[in-house]
Protein backbone atom coordinates (compact mmCIF):
# COMPACT_ATOMS: atom_id res chain seq x y z
CA MET A 1 0.02 -0.03 -0.08
CA THR A 2 1.51 3.47 -1.05
CA ASP A 3 1.84 6.43 1.42
CA LEU A 4 -0.95 8.19 -0.64
CA ARG A 5 -3.19 5.25 -0.25
CA SER A 6 -2.66 5.14 3.47
CA ALA A 7 -3.19 8.84 3.66
CA LEU A 8 -6.47 8.65 1.70
CA GLU A 9 -7.83 5.98 4.23
CA ARG A 10 -6.88 8.30 7.25
CA TYR A 11 -8.37 11.33 5.32
CA LEU A 12 -11.73 9.58 4.59
CA THR A 13 -11.96 8.22 8.12
CA ILE A 14 -11.53 11.75 9.58
CA ARG A 15 -14.19 13.10 7.06
CA LYS A 16 -16.74 10.61 7.64
CA GLY A 17 -16.16 10.73 11.34
CA LEU A 18 -17.21 14.50 10.99
CA GLY A 19 -20.39 13.44 9.40
CA TYR A 20 -19.75 13.70 5.83
CA LYS A 21 -21.16 10.76 3.81
CA TYR A 22 -18.21 11.21 1.19
CA GLN A 23 -19.50 8.56 -1.11
CA ARG A 24 -18.67 10.37 -4.48
CA GLN A 25 -15.29 11.71 -3.04
CA THR A 26 -14.39 8.21 -1.81
CA ARG A 27 -14.67 6.76 -5.32
CA LEU A 28 -13.14 9.68 -7.07
CA LEU A 29 -10.20 10.07 -4.75
CA ALA A 30 -9.49 6.39 -4.92
CA ASP A 31 -9.31 6.81 -8.73
CA PHE A 32 -6.91 9.70 -8.31
CA VAL A 33 -4.67 7.71 -6.15
CA ALA A 34 -4.66 4.91 -8.70
CA PHE A 35 -3.76 7.41 -11.32
CA MET A 36 -0.75 8.51 -9.22
CA GLU A 37 0.34 5.05 -8.63
CA LYS A 38 0.24 4.39 -12.30
CA ARG A 39 2.62 7.27 -13.11
CA ARG A 40 4.76 6.09 -9.99
CA ALA A 41 4.10 9.52 -8.47
CA THR A 42 4.35 9.89 -4.55
CA THR A 43 3.86 13.52 -4.34
CA ILE A 44 0.77 15.52 -5.27
CA THR A 45 1.65 18.35 -7.94
CA MET A 46 -0.48 21.00 -9.67
CA LYS A 47 0.30 19.27 -13.09
CA LEU A 48 -0.74 15.81 -11.95
CA ALA A 49 -3.91 17.06 -10.08
CA THR A 50 -4.98 18.89 -13.23
CA GLU A 51 -4.14 16.13 -15.46
CA TRP A 52 -6.30 13.77 -13.47
CA ALA A 53 -9.30 16.23 -13.07
CA THR A 54 -9.49 16.85 -17.00
CA LEU A 55 -9.99 13.26 -17.76
CA PRO A 56 -11.54 12.43 -20.05
CA ALA A 57 -10.76 15.10 -22.28
CA ASP A 58 -14.36 15.71 -23.32
CA CYS A 59 -15.84 16.02 -19.86
CA GLN A 60 -17.74 19.00 -18.81
CA ALA A 61 -16.08 22.12 -17.15
CA SER A 62 -18.42 21.66 -13.98
CA TRP A 63 -17.23 18.18 -13.68
CA VAL A 64 -13.51 19.00 -13.84
CA SER A 65 -13.94 21.70 -11.18
CA GLU A 66 -15.71 19.33 -8.96
CA ARG A 67 -12.97 16.68 -9.49
CA LEU A 68 -10.16 19.23 -8.60
CA THR A 69 -12.23 20.49 -5.64
CA ASP A 70 -12.14 16.86 -4.16
CA VAL A 71 -8.25 16.58 -4.82
CA ARG A 72 -7.81 20.04 -3.12
CA GLY A 73 -9.42 18.93 0.02
CA PHE A 74 -7.15 15.72 0.04
CA ALA A 75 -4.11 17.50 -0.94
CA LEU A 76 -4.58 19.94 2.05
CA HIS A 77 -4.67 16.85 4.26
CA VAL A 78 -1.50 15.49 2.82
CA ALA A 79 0.27 18.82 3.04
CA SER A 80 0.01 18.77 6.74
CA PHE A 81 2.72 15.97 6.80
CA ASP A 82 4.34 16.23 3.40
CA PRO A 83 5.72 19.88 2.67
CA ARG A 84 6.45 18.95 -0.87
CA THR A 85 2.58 18.74 -1.63
CA GLU A 86 1.14 21.24 -4.04
CA VAL A 87 -2.40 22.21 -3.17
CA PRO A 88 -4.47 23.44 -6.27
CA PRO A 89 -5.70 26.82 -5.58
CA VAL A 90 -9.43 27.77 -5.78
CA GLY A 91 -10.38 29.23 -9.25
CA ILE A 92 -7.86 27.94 -11.57
CA LEU A 93 -10.55 26.06 -13.42
CA PRO A 94 -14.20 27.35 -14.04
CA GLY A 95 -16.54 26.14 -11.55
CA PRO A 96 -20.23 25.03 -12.04
CA LYS A 97 -22.77 27.49 -12.53
CA ARG A 98 -25.66 27.33 -10.06
CA ALA A 99 -29.07 27.39 -11.88
CA ARG A 100 -31.11 30.48 -11.16
CA PRO A 101 -34.31 29.25 -9.20
CA TYR A 102 -37.61 29.34 -10.66
CA ILE A 103 -40.19 30.98 -8.49
CA TYR A 104 -43.64 29.50 -8.57
CA SER A 105 -46.58 31.74 -8.46
CA ASP A 106 -49.53 30.66 -6.38
CA ALA A 107 -51.51 30.16 -9.51
CA GLU A 108 -48.99 27.82 -10.96
CA ILE A 109 -49.09 25.69 -7.71
CA ASP A 110 -52.77 25.64 -7.64
CA ALA A 111 -52.82 24.45 -11.35
CA LEU A 112 -50.34 21.74 -10.61
CA LEU A 113 -52.21 20.35 -7.64
CA LYS A 114 -55.41 20.50 -9.51
CA ALA A 115 -53.74 18.53 -12.35
CA ALA A 116 -52.43 15.98 -9.81
CA GLN A 117 -55.77 15.25 -8.86
CA ALA A 118 -56.80 14.20 -12.41
CA LEU A 119 -54.06 11.53 -12.64
CA PRO A 120 -55.31 8.09 -13.44
CA PRO A 121 -56.69 5.71 -12.18
CA GLN A 122 -59.63 7.82 -11.35
CA HIS A 123 -60.49 5.81 -8.22
CA GLY A 124 -56.91 4.95 -7.22
CA LEU A 125 -54.46 6.58 -4.70
CA ARG A 126 -51.83 7.84 -6.96
CA ARG A 127 -53.47 11.11 -7.56
CA TRP A 128 -53.87 11.74 -3.96
CA THR A 129 -50.34 10.87 -3.32
CA PHE A 130 -48.93 13.29 -5.70
CA HIS A 131 -51.39 16.09 -4.67
CA ALA A 132 -50.42 15.89 -1.04
CA LEU A 133 -46.62 15.41 -1.92
CA PHE A 134 -46.28 18.41 -4.20
CA GLY A 135 -48.48 20.51 -1.85
CA LEU A 136 -46.09 19.49 0.96
CA TYR A 137 -43.12 20.52 -1.03
CA ALA A 138 -44.64 23.96 -1.74
CA VAL A 139 -45.34 24.76 1.91
CA THR A 140 -42.41 23.33 3.74
CA GLY A 141 -39.54 23.65 1.21
CA LEU A 142 -38.43 20.03 2.01
CA ARG A 143 -35.93 18.38 -0.37
CA LEU A 144 -37.44 15.63 -2.70
CA SER A 145 -35.56 12.84 -0.75
CA GLU A 146 -36.64 14.05 2.67
CA ALA A 147 -40.24 14.15 1.75
CA ILE A 148 -40.42 10.74 0.04
CA GLY A 149 -38.27 9.29 2.78
CA LEU A 150 -40.70 10.18 5.60
CA GLU A 151 -41.93 7.32 7.57
CA CYS A 152 -45.41 7.16 9.04
CA ASP A 153 -43.72 7.49 12.48
CA ASP A 154 -42.02 10.67 11.50
CA VAL A 155 -45.21 12.41 10.70
CA ASP A 156 -47.00 13.64 13.96
CA LEU A 157 -50.13 15.20 12.68
CA ASP A 158 -51.54 15.97 16.29
CA ALA A 159 -48.52 17.83 17.29
CA GLY A 160 -47.91 19.35 13.72
CA ILE A 161 -44.43 18.24 13.47
CA LEU A 162 -42.41 16.33 10.90
CA THR A 163 -39.21 14.57 11.74
CA VAL A 164 -36.76 14.68 9.06
CA ARG A 165 -34.10 12.17 9.61
CA GLN A 166 -30.58 11.63 8.27
CA THR A 167 -30.22 14.55 5.90
CA LYS A 168 -27.00 16.13 4.90
CA LEU A 169 -24.11 15.48 7.35
CA GLY A 170 -26.23 12.74 8.88
CA LYS A 171 -28.25 15.20 10.84
CA SER A 172 -32.05 15.22 11.64
CA ARG A 173 -34.46 18.08 12.23
CA LEU A 174 -37.96 19.01 13.25
CA VAL A 175 -40.15 20.84 10.70
CA PRO A 176 -43.43 22.42 11.97
CA LEU A 177 -46.57 22.19 10.05
CA HIS A 178 -49.49 24.67 9.51
CA ARG A 179 -52.88 23.41 10.81
CA THR A 180 -54.07 23.54 7.19
CA THR A 181 -51.20 21.19 6.06
CA CYS A 182 -51.89 18.73 8.91
CA THR A 183 -55.60 18.65 7.71
CA ALA A 184 -54.42 17.91 4.14
CA LEU A 185 -51.95 15.22 5.19
CA ARG A 186 -54.51 13.46 7.68
CA ARG A 187 -56.94 13.33 4.65
CA TYR A 188 -54.30 11.60 2.49
CA ALA A 189 -53.41 9.20 5.21
CA ALA A 190 -57.03 8.07 5.54
CA ARG A 191 -57.42 7.51 1.89
CA ARG A 192 -54.02 5.70 1.93
CA ASP A 193 -54.92 3.44 4.69
CA ALA A 194 -58.40 2.88 3.17
CA HIS A 195 -56.96 1.95 -0.18
CA LEU A 196 -54.17 -0.36 1.20
CA GLY A 197 -55.79 -1.80 4.27
CA SER A 198 -53.57 -4.47 5.88
CA HIS A 199 -50.94 -3.99 2.94
CA ARG A 200 -49.85 -0.68 4.21
CA GLY A 201 -46.01 -0.43 4.80
CA SER A 202 -44.18 2.02 6.94
CA THR A 203 -43.66 4.88 4.39
CA PHE A 204 -46.00 7.89 4.62
CA PHE A 205 -46.06 8.59 0.96
CA VAL A 206 -46.62 5.50 -1.16
CA THR A 207 -47.23 4.12 -4.76
CA GLU A 208 -50.45 2.77 -5.96
CA GLN A 209 -49.61 -0.63 -4.61
CA GLY A 210 -48.14 0.53 -1.43
CA GLY A 211 -44.34 0.53 -2.26
CA ARG A 212 -41.79 3.31 -1.60
CA LEU A 213 -41.93 6.23 -3.91
CA LEU A 214 -38.53 6.63 -5.82
CA PRO A 215 -37.05 10.04 -7.13
CA ARG A 216 -37.75 8.82 -10.70
CA HIS A 217 -41.43 8.35 -9.96
CA VAL A 218 -41.94 11.94 -8.69
CA TYR A 219 -39.81 13.40 -11.62
CA PHE A 220 -41.89 11.34 -14.12
CA VAL A 221 -45.14 12.63 -12.77
CA PHE A 222 -43.84 16.23 -12.27
CA TRP A 223 -42.67 16.53 -15.90
CA ARG A 224 -45.94 15.18 -17.15
CA LEU A 225 -47.97 17.60 -15.07
CA SER A 226 -45.74 20.43 -15.98
CA ARG A 227 -46.29 19.88 -19.55
CA GLU A 228 -50.10 19.76 -19.04
CA ILE A 229 -50.27 23.04 -17.43
CA GLY A 230 -47.85 24.85 -19.59
CA LEU A 231 -44.78 25.17 -17.29
CA ARG A 232 -42.83 23.12 -19.81
CA GLN A 233 -43.11 22.28 -23.39
CA ARG A 234 -42.94 18.89 -24.77
CA GLY A 235 -39.33 17.85 -25.25
CA ASP A 236 -37.94 20.59 -23.13
CA HIS A 237 -34.72 19.45 -21.25
CA THR A 238 -34.69 22.55 -18.93
CA GLY A 239 -37.49 24.39 -17.07
CA PRO A 240 -38.97 24.63 -13.60
CA ARG A 241 -37.92 21.71 -11.41
CA VAL A 242 -39.09 19.80 -8.18
CA HIS A 243 -36.37 21.37 -6.30
CA ASP A 244 -37.69 24.86 -7.30
CA PHE A 245 -40.44 24.27 -4.73
CA ARG A 246 -37.66 24.60 -2.08
CA HIS A 247 -36.24 27.67 -3.68
CA SER A 248 -39.76 29.31 -3.84
CA TYR A 249 -40.54 28.55 -0.33
CA ALA A 250 -37.33 30.06 0.89
CA ILE A 251 -37.57 33.12 -1.19
CA ARG A 252 -41.16 33.84 -0.19
CA VAL A 253 -40.11 33.74 3.53
CA LEU A 254 -37.21 36.22 2.85
CA VAL A 255 -39.49 38.53 0.83
CA ASP A 256 -42.21 38.44 3.32
CA GLY A 257 -39.65 39.14 6.09
CA TYR A 258 -38.51 42.30 4.15
CA ARG A 259 -42.07 43.51 3.58
CA ASP A 260 -42.94 42.88 7.34
CA GLY A 261 -39.84 44.87 8.39
CA LYS A 262 -38.03 41.86 9.98
CA ASP A 263 -34.35 41.82 10.49
CA ILE A 264 -33.17 39.63 7.83
CA GLU A 265 -29.63 39.12 9.52
CA GLN A 266 -31.65 37.38 12.22
CA LEU A 267 -34.00 35.48 9.99
CA LEU A 268 -31.55 33.95 7.80
CA PRO A 269 -29.98 31.76 10.36
CA ILE A 270 -33.47 30.64 11.51
CA LEU A 271 -34.32 29.82 7.75
CA SER A 272 -31.14 28.05 7.34
CA THR A 273 -31.79 25.85 10.16
CA TYR A 274 -35.25 25.17 9.08
CA LEU A 275 -34.22 24.23 5.64
CA GLY A 276 -31.40 21.92 6.93
CA HIS A 277 -28.59 23.75 5.25
CA THR A 278 -25.26 22.59 6.39
CA ASN A 279 -23.83 26.27 6.19
CA VAL A 280 -25.81 29.59 6.45
CA ARG A 281 -23.84 30.65 3.32
CA ASP A 282 -26.13 28.48 1.25
CA THR A 283 -29.27 30.59 2.62
CA TYR A 284 -27.38 33.87 1.86
CA TRP A 285 -27.19 32.87 -1.68
CA TYR A 286 -30.99 33.56 -2.11
CA LEU A 287 -30.36 37.20 -1.48
CA SER A 288 -28.37 37.68 -4.75
CA SER A 289 -30.30 35.09 -6.88
CA CYS A 290 -33.80 36.56 -6.89
CA PRO A 291 -34.65 40.18 -8.35
CA SER A 292 -37.63 40.47 -6.12
CA LEU A 293 -35.46 40.10 -3.00
CA MET A 294 -33.10 42.81 -4.30
CA GLN A 295 -36.14 45.03 -5.16
CA GLU A 296 -37.53 44.73 -1.40
CA ALA A 297 -34.07 45.42 -0.10
CA ALA A 298 -33.84 48.58 -2.27
CA LYS A 299 -37.32 49.63 -1.00
CA ARG A 300 -36.20 49.23 2.43
CA LEU A 301 -33.08 51.39 1.85
CA ASP A 302 -35.32 53.95 0.25
CA ARG A 303 -37.81 54.17 3.17
CA ARG A 304 -34.52 54.66 5.44
CA TRP A 305 -33.27 57.57 3.28
CA GLU A 306 -36.82 59.18 3.18
CA VAL A 307 -37.10 59.34 7.04
CA GLN A 308 -33.64 60.88 7.28
CA PRO A 309 -33.59 64.65 8.27
């Protein structure tokens, strides 16, 4: 076993011990160490790191940047005991561009939920499952995986609390629900139990036969309904996404906060915790990504200038 491979094992143990899942990084960094071994190289250099990150030659720029970022973290670890190590600096390769969020209007959400209720079969459970699921996305900002991963025991409709388990960094959190949301979920649960009877499993949202929903099920239905209501055109590969429910929720909270005169600096950490962000920096991103937020910030600044003597 080479020194780099031993160092990688220690590095991964440390990162995973801090709560990072590091599944993709484990695979990629093992490939990087194999690349170094093939070249009989024992020291990480900028040239070798960049050469590996740009393989294959036709890979996308965003993929190259992510690969080099993974090497950078590992190189920082190795540099702590091998001063010959060259750590690739930030910004030497173009990074991925974060998609601008699509903000759903109330009318679009209503249209999507109405279309979900018309899904076949007419007397089945499927239409009620997606009506409740998309409605929950819209009013809580949950990640797709968090909502379809809910177990029945995680949904306390009497207390109005969801327990979202093992999200990023293995953390869990509590998500409060409005009473109207509890009512809608209670109706869905009653229909689900009546439809499945003794065949009901432990998952809160289920398929027509009672199985666990998979992301591909949700994407397929969302794309179908999006085309029906005009959010996407047939054949479109881009457009509003399921994840944009989360963005829409976050931006609505911040816009309402501005309009109500709340202290946004105090609101952002609260929203970050509610959304389950691993870093409040991810929540600050919304301030610069949405024109309506910038408009509200400008209006507040104008009001401050107006009251100045």
